[in-house]
Amino acid sequence: MNGLPPYVGAVLAALRFRSPQPQALATLDEAGWRQALLFCDRSQLTLPLALTSREYLPQWVATRIDRDLEKSAERWQRVKNAYAEAATAFESAGLECAVLKGFSHYPRFVGHPHHRYQGDLDLLFTPAQVHEAYQAARDLGYVPIAADDSHPTNHLPTLIRKTGWIWTGDYFDPEIPIALELHFGVWDERTELFAPAGIEEFWNRRRQRRIDDLCFTGFHPADETAIACLHVMCHLLRGSLRPSHVYEMAWMLDRSTADEAFWETWRELHDPFLRRLEATCFALSERWFRCGMPAAALDEIERLAAELKRWLDLYSWSPLSSPFRPNKDELWLHWSLLDCGRSRMRVLARRLLPRGLPGAVDTVTVPREQLTWSVRWRARCRYMGYLASRVLHHARALLPTVRSAIRWFGSTA
């Protein structure tokens, strides 16, 4: 765990599935706990920490996290209502959608839907229907955060309602508006420059599901795993991976070690290249959280190409350390997944020299008539601060990237 602050190491040690060390949390003083809580909030690990290590938390920390759990339960009710409203509108328009990620991760990746944070609804439509669905959402009062979103993605511009809500620093505020992301695919081949075969079959294997009083369309369990892995891989390759994504993967692996029927079906349904991507995510999950590993997953990890194994050996901790010691070591993973020199150069150029500015980070839910001079000024200051932090991050990552390139290519000589 080189490059990780002690409070991060303590949190990760407590969250291990095999041989956890929650007693490591006792080494944190009050300042360390405040840093640990901020890390957990930003990484969406606060609730898992509460569910696994509550007896090791200081009383003031446990009290705060208990409130977070209550807010998360309220948030789950709001998510259900938002989905039911949108799904009813889509159904009335003759449109069918399937739920990607979010609450559909229950029960394979989480013990209950309100044990994970959900900021938006990710819904998959066929390419022929997604624009009509976008208009139906607009008719419900949703508006695009950015009408002309130039960032690479596999969904239309994110939609949100202008409720007047303003960020107060509470990551569990149940009133945070629920956004809609209407997807036309589960993978962005245009940006990543590769795509596993067979992912178009996920739609054909969709199925009806029910959680509490909510009925929705989800995916085959094996495809749920693939979708979760593709989500991890997308954020990993773009340098924006959240530890909670990996923790949920580890949760699934640890609880399915004896489910041989599931893993046999998983192997039959998925293309070898897709299984290679999934196995890379599995290996990362095991390294970070020491989860149990099903035999089929271990077999696929063993079959990984030498370059992928080498990346895991050299850089598997880099995504975790990036916020503290900026790096872009995921570049060499992306490099290993491409077999075309031109594609590799395109990815290298995009990642080293980002072309677009960050999107808005404040007041995106405030109606125009409520944008007073003071609100606009505060939003501008926050945006400039965020922009400066991103510029500094990319600048600080340049030299480490050069060093990691020397290490990567030097070790293949």
Protein backbone atom coordinates (compact mmCIF):
# COMPACT_ATOMS: atom_id res chain seq x y z
CA MET A 1 0.00 0.00 0.00
CA ASN A 2 2.83 2.39 -0.80
CA GLY A 3 1.66 5.96 -1.18
CA LEU A 4 -1.47 5.58 0.95
CA PRO A 5 -1.97 7.65 4.12
CA PRO A 6 -2.21 5.63 7.37
CA TYR A 7 -5.93 6.37 7.75
CA VAL A 8 -6.63 4.88 4.32
CA GLY A 9 -4.63 1.80 5.19
CA ALA A 10 -6.61 1.43 8.43
CA VAL A 11 -9.94 1.63 6.59
CA LEU A 12 -8.87 -0.93 3.99
CA ALA A 13 -7.56 -3.29 6.65
CA ALA A 14 -10.90 -3.11 8.45
CA LEU A 15 -12.84 -3.84 5.26
CA ARG A 16 -10.95 -7.00 4.30
CA PHE A 17 -13.19 -10.02 3.85
CA ARG A 18 -10.53 -12.53 4.88
CA SER A 19 -8.39 -11.79 7.97
CA PRO A 20 -9.85 -8.31 8.54
CA GLN A 21 -8.00 -6.03 10.94
CA PRO A 22 -10.59 -3.57 12.32
CA GLN A 23 -8.32 -2.97 15.30
CA ALA A 24 -6.17 -0.88 12.94
CA LEU A 25 -8.85 1.81 13.30
CA ALA A 26 -7.81 2.24 16.94
CA THR A 27 -4.55 3.84 15.76
CA LEU A 28 -6.44 6.90 14.46
CA ASP A 29 -6.68 10.05 16.55
CA GLU A 30 -9.48 12.58 16.07
CA ALA A 31 -7.71 14.34 13.20
CA GLY A 32 -7.03 10.97 11.57
CA TRP A 33 -10.68 10.00 11.92
CA ARG A 34 -11.83 13.22 10.28
CA GLN A 35 -9.56 12.49 7.35
CA ALA A 36 -10.72 8.87 7.28
CA LEU A 37 -14.38 9.93 7.23
CA LEU A 38 -13.77 12.35 4.38
CA PHE A 39 -11.98 9.61 2.45
CA CYS A 40 -14.83 7.15 3.13
CA ASP A 41 -17.49 9.69 2.15
CA ARG A 42 -15.76 10.53 -1.13
CA SER A 43 -15.01 6.86 -1.81
CA GLN A 44 -18.51 5.69 -0.78
CA LEU A 45 -17.06 3.35 1.84
CA THR A 46 -18.72 4.98 4.85
CA LEU A 47 -21.67 2.60 4.99
CA PRO A 48 -19.59 -0.59 4.49
CA LEU A 49 -17.33 0.56 7.33
CA ALA A 50 -20.36 1.05 9.59
CA LEU A 51 -21.77 -2.37 8.71
CA THR A 52 -18.51 -4.26 9.32
CA SER A 53 -16.64 -2.38 12.05
CA ARG A 54 -19.10 -0.39 14.14
CA GLU A 55 -17.81 -1.64 17.49
CA TYR A 56 -14.35 -0.30 16.63
CA LEU A 57 -15.57 3.23 15.89
CA PRO A 58 -15.31 6.10 18.39
CA GLN A 59 -18.73 7.06 19.71
CA TRP A 60 -18.89 10.35 17.83
CA VAL A 61 -17.99 8.57 14.58
CA ALA A 62 -20.58 5.82 15.17
CA THR A 63 -23.25 8.41 15.94
CA ARG A 64 -22.54 10.30 12.75
CA ILE A 65 -22.54 7.16 10.62
CA ASP A 66 -25.81 5.99 12.22
CA ARG A 67 -27.35 9.22 10.95
CA ASP A 68 -25.86 8.51 7.53
CA LEU A 69 -27.54 5.09 7.52
CA GLU A 70 -30.88 6.70 8.34
CA LYS A 71 -30.42 9.23 5.55
CA SER A 72 -29.47 6.44 3.17
CA ALA A 73 -32.70 4.59 3.99
CA GLU A 74 -34.64 7.77 3.21
CA ARG A 75 -32.64 8.17 0.03
CA TRP A 76 -33.63 4.65 -1.04
CA GLN A 77 -37.31 5.61 -0.76
CA ARG A 78 -36.67 8.66 -2.94
CA VAL A 79 -34.81 6.55 -5.50
CA LYS A 80 -37.74 4.12 -5.69
CA ASN A 81 -40.19 6.97 -6.19
CA ALA A 82 -38.02 8.59 -8.86
CA TYR A 83 -37.64 5.31 -10.72
CA ALA A 84 -41.36 4.48 -10.52
CA GLU A 85 -42.27 7.91 -11.89
CA ALA A 86 -39.80 7.72 -14.77
CA ALA A 87 -40.64 4.09 -15.60
CA THR A 88 -44.35 4.89 -15.72
CA ALA A 89 -43.69 7.71 -18.17
CA PHE A 90 -41.50 5.52 -20.35
CA GLU A 91 -44.04 2.70 -20.32
CA SER A 92 -46.82 5.11 -21.30
CA ALA A 93 -44.69 6.15 -24.28
CA GLY A 94 -44.16 2.51 -25.28
CA LEU A 95 -40.51 2.52 -24.24
CA GLU A 96 -38.66 -0.26 -22.42
CA CYS A 97 -35.62 0.24 -20.23
CA ALA A 98 -33.44 -1.96 -18.05
CA VAL A 99 -31.71 -0.82 -14.87
CA LEU A 100 -27.92 -0.64 -14.99
CA LYS A 101 -26.05 -0.68 -11.67
CA GLY A 102 -27.66 1.14 -8.75
CA PHE A 103 -30.29 -0.75 -6.80
CA SER A 104 -30.14 -3.63 -9.30
CA HIS A 105 -26.84 -4.56 -7.61
CA TYR A 106 -28.90 -6.04 -4.79
CA PRO A 107 -28.58 -8.86 -3.78
CA ARG A 108 -25.49 -9.92 -5.71
CA PHE A 109 -23.24 -7.00 -4.76
CA VAL A 110 -24.74 -5.54 -1.60
CA GLY A 111 -26.81 -6.69 1.37
CA HIS A 112 -29.57 -4.09 0.88
CA PRO A 113 -30.13 -1.27 -1.63
CA HIS A 114 -29.86 1.42 1.06
CA HIS A 115 -26.45 0.06 2.11
CA ARG A 116 -24.94 1.73 -0.95
CA TYR A 117 -25.09 5.35 -2.11
CA GLN A 118 -27.00 6.01 -5.33
CA GLY A 119 -26.78 9.42 -6.91
CA ASP A 120 -28.52 8.75 -10.19
CA LEU A 121 -30.59 6.26 -12.15
CA ASP A 122 -28.69 4.54 -14.97
CA LEU A 123 -31.20 3.16 -17.45
CA LEU A 124 -30.43 1.29 -20.65
CA PHE A 125 -32.55 1.72 -23.78
CA THR A 126 -32.10 0.48 -27.31
CA PRO A 127 -30.37 3.07 -29.53
CA ALA A 128 -33.63 3.37 -31.47
CA GLN A 129 -35.58 4.45 -28.38
CA VAL A 130 -33.11 6.38 -26.24
CA HIS A 131 -33.81 9.80 -27.79
CA GLU A 132 -37.55 9.36 -27.40
CA ALA A 133 -36.93 8.39 -23.77
CA TYR A 134 -34.84 11.53 -23.36
CA GLN A 135 -37.78 13.64 -24.49
CA ALA A 136 -40.13 11.78 -22.15
CA ALA A 137 -37.79 12.60 -19.26
CA ARG A 138 -37.71 16.24 -20.35
CA ASP A 139 -41.51 16.22 -20.22
CA LEU A 140 -41.25 15.18 -16.55
CA GLY A 141 -39.25 18.32 -15.79
CA TYR A 142 -35.73 16.95 -16.14
CA VAL A 143 -33.22 19.19 -17.88
CA PRO A 144 -29.65 18.48 -19.04
CA ILE A 145 -26.87 19.54 -16.70
CA ALA A 146 -24.92 20.45 -19.83
CA ALA A 147 -26.82 20.58 -23.10
CA ASP A 148 -23.67 19.97 -25.13
CA ASP A 149 -21.70 17.46 -23.08
CA SER A 150 -18.41 16.82 -24.89
CA HIS A 151 -17.09 14.29 -22.36
CA PRO A 152 -16.80 10.74 -23.71
CA THR A 153 -19.62 8.54 -22.54
CA ASN A 154 -22.15 5.89 -23.49
CA HIS A 155 -25.22 7.86 -22.45
CA LEU A 156 -26.99 11.05 -23.45
CA PRO A 157 -26.33 14.25 -21.43
CA THR A 158 -27.18 13.71 -17.77
CA LEU A 159 -30.60 15.01 -16.75
CA ILE A 160 -31.58 16.57 -13.43
CA ARG A 161 -34.41 18.60 -11.95
CA LYS A 162 -33.87 22.20 -10.90
CA THR A 163 -35.04 21.85 -7.29
CA GLY A 164 -32.99 24.69 -5.85
CA TRP A 165 -30.84 22.31 -3.83
CA ILE A 166 -27.30 23.54 -3.08
CA TRP A 167 -24.37 21.43 -1.91
CA THR A 168 -23.72 21.81 1.83
CA GLY A 169 -20.96 19.25 2.28
CA ASP A 170 -23.29 16.41 3.38
CA TYR A 171 -22.64 13.41 1.15
CA PHE A 172 -25.75 11.66 2.54
CA ASP A 173 -28.22 14.52 2.21
CA PRO A 174 -31.38 12.66 1.06
CA GLU A 175 -32.51 15.77 -0.82
CA ILE A 176 -29.63 15.62 -3.29
CA PRO A 177 -31.53 15.54 -6.61
CA ILE A 178 -31.57 12.18 -8.35
CA ALA A 179 -30.18 12.44 -11.86
CA LEU A 180 -31.14 10.38 -14.89
CA GLU A 181 -28.54 8.87 -17.22
CA LEU A 182 -30.16 7.32 -20.27
CA HIS A 183 -27.70 4.86 -21.80
CA PHE A 184 -27.60 3.55 -25.34
CA GLY A 185 -24.89 0.99 -24.55
CA VAL A 186 -23.01 -0.66 -21.71
CA TRP A 187 -19.56 0.20 -23.07
CA ASP A 188 -18.04 3.20 -24.86
CA GLU A 189 -16.02 1.62 -27.66
CA ARG A 190 -15.52 4.96 -29.40
CA THR A 191 -13.51 6.26 -26.45
CA GLU A 192 -11.78 3.15 -25.15
CA LEU A 193 -11.01 1.90 -28.71
CA PHE A 194 -11.87 -1.71 -27.94
CA ALA A 195 -14.99 -3.67 -27.03
CA PRO A 196 -15.61 -7.25 -25.92
CA ALA A 197 -17.78 -9.36 -28.17
CA GLY A 198 -21.22 -10.45 -27.05
CA ILE A 199 -22.23 -7.50 -24.86
CA GLU A 200 -25.12 -6.75 -27.22
CA GLU A 201 -26.66 -10.02 -26.04
CA PHE A 202 -27.16 -8.63 -22.53
CA TRP A 203 -30.33 -6.90 -23.67
CA ASN A 204 -31.74 -10.14 -25.04
CA ARG A 205 -31.20 -11.83 -21.67
CA ARG A 206 -32.93 -9.12 -19.61
CA ARG A 207 -35.50 -10.27 -17.09
CA GLN A 208 -38.15 -8.94 -14.71
CA ARG A 209 -37.10 -8.38 -11.11
CA ARG A 210 -38.63 -7.13 -7.88
CA ILE A 211 -37.12 -5.42 -4.82
CA ASP A 212 -39.50 -4.48 -2.00
CA ASP A 213 -42.52 -3.05 -3.84
CA LEU A 214 -40.51 -2.02 -6.89
CA CYS A 215 -40.79 -3.97 -10.15
CA PHE A 216 -38.20 -3.35 -12.84
CA THR A 217 -36.28 -4.94 -15.70
CA GLY A 218 -32.77 -6.13 -14.87
CA PHE A 219 -30.24 -8.48 -16.40
CA HIS A 220 -29.16 -12.09 -16.20
CA PRO A 221 -26.98 -12.56 -13.07
CA ALA A 222 -23.91 -13.36 -15.17
CA ASP A 223 -24.46 -10.21 -17.20
CA GLU A 224 -24.93 -8.17 -14.01
CA THR A 225 -21.42 -9.24 -13.10
CA ALA A 226 -20.10 -8.24 -16.53
CA ILE A 227 -21.84 -4.86 -16.38
CA ALA A 228 -20.36 -4.18 -12.94
CA CYS A 229 -16.90 -5.17 -14.22
CA LEU A 230 -17.23 -2.98 -17.30
CA HIS A 231 -18.19 -0.10 -15.02
CA VAL A 232 -15.09 -0.73 -12.89
CA MET A 233 -12.92 -1.03 -15.99
CA CYS A 234 -14.27 2.18 -17.55
CA HIS A 235 -13.51 4.23 -14.43
CA LEU A 236 -10.19 2.47 -13.94
CA LEU A 237 -9.01 3.31 -17.46
CA ARG A 238 -10.14 6.93 -17.07
CA GLY A 239 -8.46 7.43 -13.71
CA SER A 240 -11.72 7.89 -11.79
CA LEU A 241 -12.20 4.55 -10.05
CA ARG A 242 -14.02 4.68 -6.70
CA PRO A 243 -12.95 2.12 -4.08
CA SER A 244 -16.63 1.32 -3.45
CA HIS A 245 -16.90 -0.12 -6.97
CA VAL A 246 -14.12 -2.55 -6.17
CA TYR A 247 -15.48 -3.31 -2.71
CA GLU A 248 -18.84 -4.36 -4.16
CA MET A 249 -17.04 -6.64 -6.60
CA ALA A 250 -15.14 -8.19 -3.71
CA TRP A 251 -18.43 -8.59 -1.81
CA MET A 252 -19.90 -10.54 -4.73
CA LEU A 253 -16.83 -12.74 -5.15
CA ASP A 254 -16.58 -13.55 -1.45
CA ARG A 255 -20.23 -14.64 -1.29
CA SER A 256 -20.24 -16.71 -4.46
CA THR A 257 -17.20 -18.91 -3.91
CA ALA A 258 -19.37 -22.04 -3.69
CA ASP A 259 -21.90 -21.11 -6.38
CA GLU A 260 -20.54 -23.42 -9.06
CA ALA A 261 -23.72 -23.32 -11.16
CA PHE A 262 -23.52 -19.54 -11.46
CA TRP A 263 -19.87 -19.56 -12.49
CA GLU A 264 -20.40 -22.34 -15.02
CA THR A 265 -23.13 -20.27 -16.67
CA TRP A 266 -20.95 -17.16 -16.46
CA ARG A 267 -18.17 -18.94 -18.34
CA GLU A 268 -20.55 -20.24 -21.01
CA LEU A 269 -22.20 -16.89 -21.69
CA HIS A 270 -19.19 -14.60 -21.87
CA ASP A 271 -16.61 -14.19 -24.59
CA PRO A 272 -12.95 -14.93 -23.62
CA PHE A 273 -11.96 -11.26 -23.97
CA LEU A 274 -14.85 -10.16 -21.76
CA ARG A 275 -13.82 -12.76 -19.18
CA ARG A 276 -10.30 -11.33 -19.36
CA LEU A 277 -11.60 -7.88 -18.44
CA GLU A 278 -13.70 -9.36 -15.66
CA ALA A 279 -10.77 -11.39 -14.33
CA THR A 280 -8.63 -8.23 -14.16
CA CYS A 281 -11.33 -6.61 -12.01
CA PHE A 282 -11.56 -9.75 -9.87
CA ALA A 283 -7.81 -9.72 -9.26
CA LEU A 284 -7.90 -6.04 -8.28
CA SER A 285 -10.74 -6.74 -5.84
CA GLU A 286 -8.84 -9.56 -4.18
CA ARG A 287 -5.71 -7.45 -3.77
CA TRP A 288 -7.52 -4.49 -2.26
CA PHE A 289 -9.99 -6.31 -0.01
CA ARG A 290 -8.70 -9.91 0.33
CA CYS A 291 -12.00 -11.49 -0.64
CA GLY A 292 -12.64 -15.16 -1.21
CA MET A 293 -12.22 -16.18 -4.83
CA PRO A 294 -14.36 -18.70 -6.75
CA ALA A 295 -12.43 -21.40 -8.59
CA ALA A 296 -13.67 -20.17 -12.00
CA ALA A 297 -12.49 -16.63 -11.25
CA LEU A 298 -9.10 -17.91 -10.10
CA ASP A 299 -8.79 -19.94 -13.29
CA GLU A 300 -9.50 -16.87 -15.44
CA ILE A 301 -6.98 -14.81 -13.47
CA GLU A 302 -4.38 -17.50 -14.04
CA ARG A 303 -5.12 -17.33 -17.79
CA LEU A 304 -4.51 -13.58 -17.97
CA ALA A 305 -1.89 -12.46 -20.45
CA ALA A 306 1.56 -11.82 -19.01
CA GLU A 307 1.23 -8.06 -19.57
CA LEU A 308 -1.98 -7.88 -17.55
CA LYS A 309 -0.44 -9.85 -14.70
CA ARG A 310 2.58 -7.58 -14.80
CA TRP A 311 0.38 -4.50 -14.56
CA LEU A 312 -1.37 -5.97 -11.53
CA ASP A 313 1.97 -6.73 -9.90
CA LEU A 314 3.37 -3.27 -10.58
CA TYR A 315 0.41 -0.94 -10.37
CA SER A 316 -2.61 -2.53 -8.73
CA TRP A 317 -2.43 0.01 -5.85
CA SER A 318 -1.97 3.01 -8.10
CA PRO A 319 -5.69 3.87 -8.52
CA LEU A 320 -6.02 4.06 -4.72
CA SER A 321 -2.94 6.20 -4.25
CA SER A 322 -3.71 8.57 -7.14
CA PRO A 323 -5.64 11.16 -5.06
CA PHE A 324 -2.63 11.40 -2.73
CA ARG A 325 0.24 10.78 -5.14
CA PRO A 326 -1.05 11.67 -8.63
CA ASN A 327 -0.27 9.10 -11.28
CA LYS A 328 -1.68 7.73 -14.52
CA ASP A 329 -0.43 4.18 -14.22
CA GLU A 330 -3.72 2.89 -15.62
CA LEU A 331 -2.37 4.01 -19.00
CA TRP A 332 -0.26 0.87 -19.23
CA LEU A 333 -3.26 -1.33 -18.50
CA HIS A 334 -5.11 0.36 -21.34
CA TRP A 335 -1.99 -0.02 -23.48
CA SER A 336 -1.99 -3.77 -22.80
CA LEU A 337 -5.63 -4.14 -23.83
CA LEU A 338 -5.01 -2.57 -27.24
CA ASP A 339 -3.20 -4.30 -30.08
CA CYS A 340 -2.97 -1.35 -32.45
CA GLY A 341 -0.17 1.20 -32.21
CA ARG A 342 -2.37 4.00 -33.53
CA SER A 343 -5.03 3.31 -30.90
CA ARG A 344 -2.39 3.30 -28.18
CA MET A 345 -1.12 6.71 -29.30
CA ARG A 346 -4.65 8.12 -29.33
CA VAL A 347 -5.29 6.96 -25.78
CA LEU A 348 -1.90 8.27 -24.65
CA ALA A 349 -2.61 11.71 -26.12
CA ARG A 350 -6.10 11.88 -24.63
CA ARG A 351 -4.99 10.91 -21.13
CA LEU A 352 -1.83 13.03 -21.01
CA LEU A 353 -3.41 16.17 -22.44
CA PRO A 354 -7.12 16.38 -21.50
CA ARG A 355 -8.88 18.57 -24.03
CA GLY A 356 -12.12 19.48 -22.28
CA LEU A 357 -12.81 21.51 -19.17
CA PRO A 358 -14.54 19.92 -16.18
CA GLY A 359 -18.30 20.23 -16.06
CA ALA A 360 -20.19 22.39 -13.59
CA VAL A 361 -19.71 21.42 -9.95
CA ASP A 362 -22.21 23.70 -8.22
CA THR A 363 -25.71 25.23 -8.66
CA VAL A 364 -26.62 22.80 -11.45
CA THR A 365 -29.94 22.20 -9.65
CA VAL A 366 -30.72 25.87 -8.99
CA PRO A 367 -33.34 27.50 -11.28
CA ARG A 368 -32.15 30.54 -13.18
CA GLU A 369 -34.44 32.89 -11.22
CA GLN A 370 -32.78 31.80 -7.95
CA LEU A 371 -29.24 32.45 -9.18
CA THR A 372 -28.53 35.60 -7.18
CA TRP A 373 -25.26 37.49 -7.46
CA SER A 374 -23.92 35.84 -4.27
CA VAL A 375 -24.92 32.35 -5.44
CA ARG A 376 -23.26 32.89 -8.82
CA TRP A 377 -20.10 34.25 -7.18
CA ARG A 378 -19.85 31.33 -4.80
CA ALA A 379 -20.38 28.88 -7.67
CA ARG A 380 -17.71 30.60 -9.75
CA CYS A 381 -15.21 30.47 -6.87
CA ARG A 382 -15.90 26.78 -6.26
CA TYR A 383 -15.54 26.00 -9.95
CA MET A 384 -12.24 27.89 -10.23
CA GLY A 385 -10.97 26.07 -7.14
CA TYR A 386 -11.96 22.71 -8.61
CA LEU A 387 -10.45 23.58 -11.99
CA ALA A 388 -7.19 24.60 -10.32
CA SER A 389 -7.10 21.32 -8.39
CA ARG A 390 -7.55 19.32 -11.60
CA VAL A 391 -4.86 21.28 -13.43
CA LEU A 392 -2.52 20.73 -10.49
CA HIS A 393 -3.36 17.01 -10.40
CA HIS A 394 -2.53 16.57 -14.09
CA ALA A 395 0.66 18.62 -13.73
CA ARG A 396 1.80 16.62 -10.69
CA ALA A 397 1.07 13.37 -12.55
CA LEU A 398 3.34 14.16 -15.51
CA LEU A 399 6.70 13.26 -13.95
CA PRO A 400 5.37 10.11 -12.20
CA THR A 401 3.89 9.07 -15.55
CA VAL A 402 7.26 9.41 -17.23
CA ARG A 403 8.83 7.35 -14.44
CA SER A 404 6.17 4.66 -14.67
CA ALA A 405 6.60 4.54 -18.46
CA ILE A 406 10.35 3.93 -17.98
CA ARG A 407 9.55 1.25 -15.43
CA TRP A 408 6.86 -0.34 -17.62
CA PHE A 409 8.82 -0.47 -20.84
CA GLY A 410 12.12 -1.10 -19.11
CA SER A 411 10.78 -4.22 -17.46
CA THR A 412 9.85 -5.66 -20.86
CA ALA A 413 13.30 -5.16 -22.35
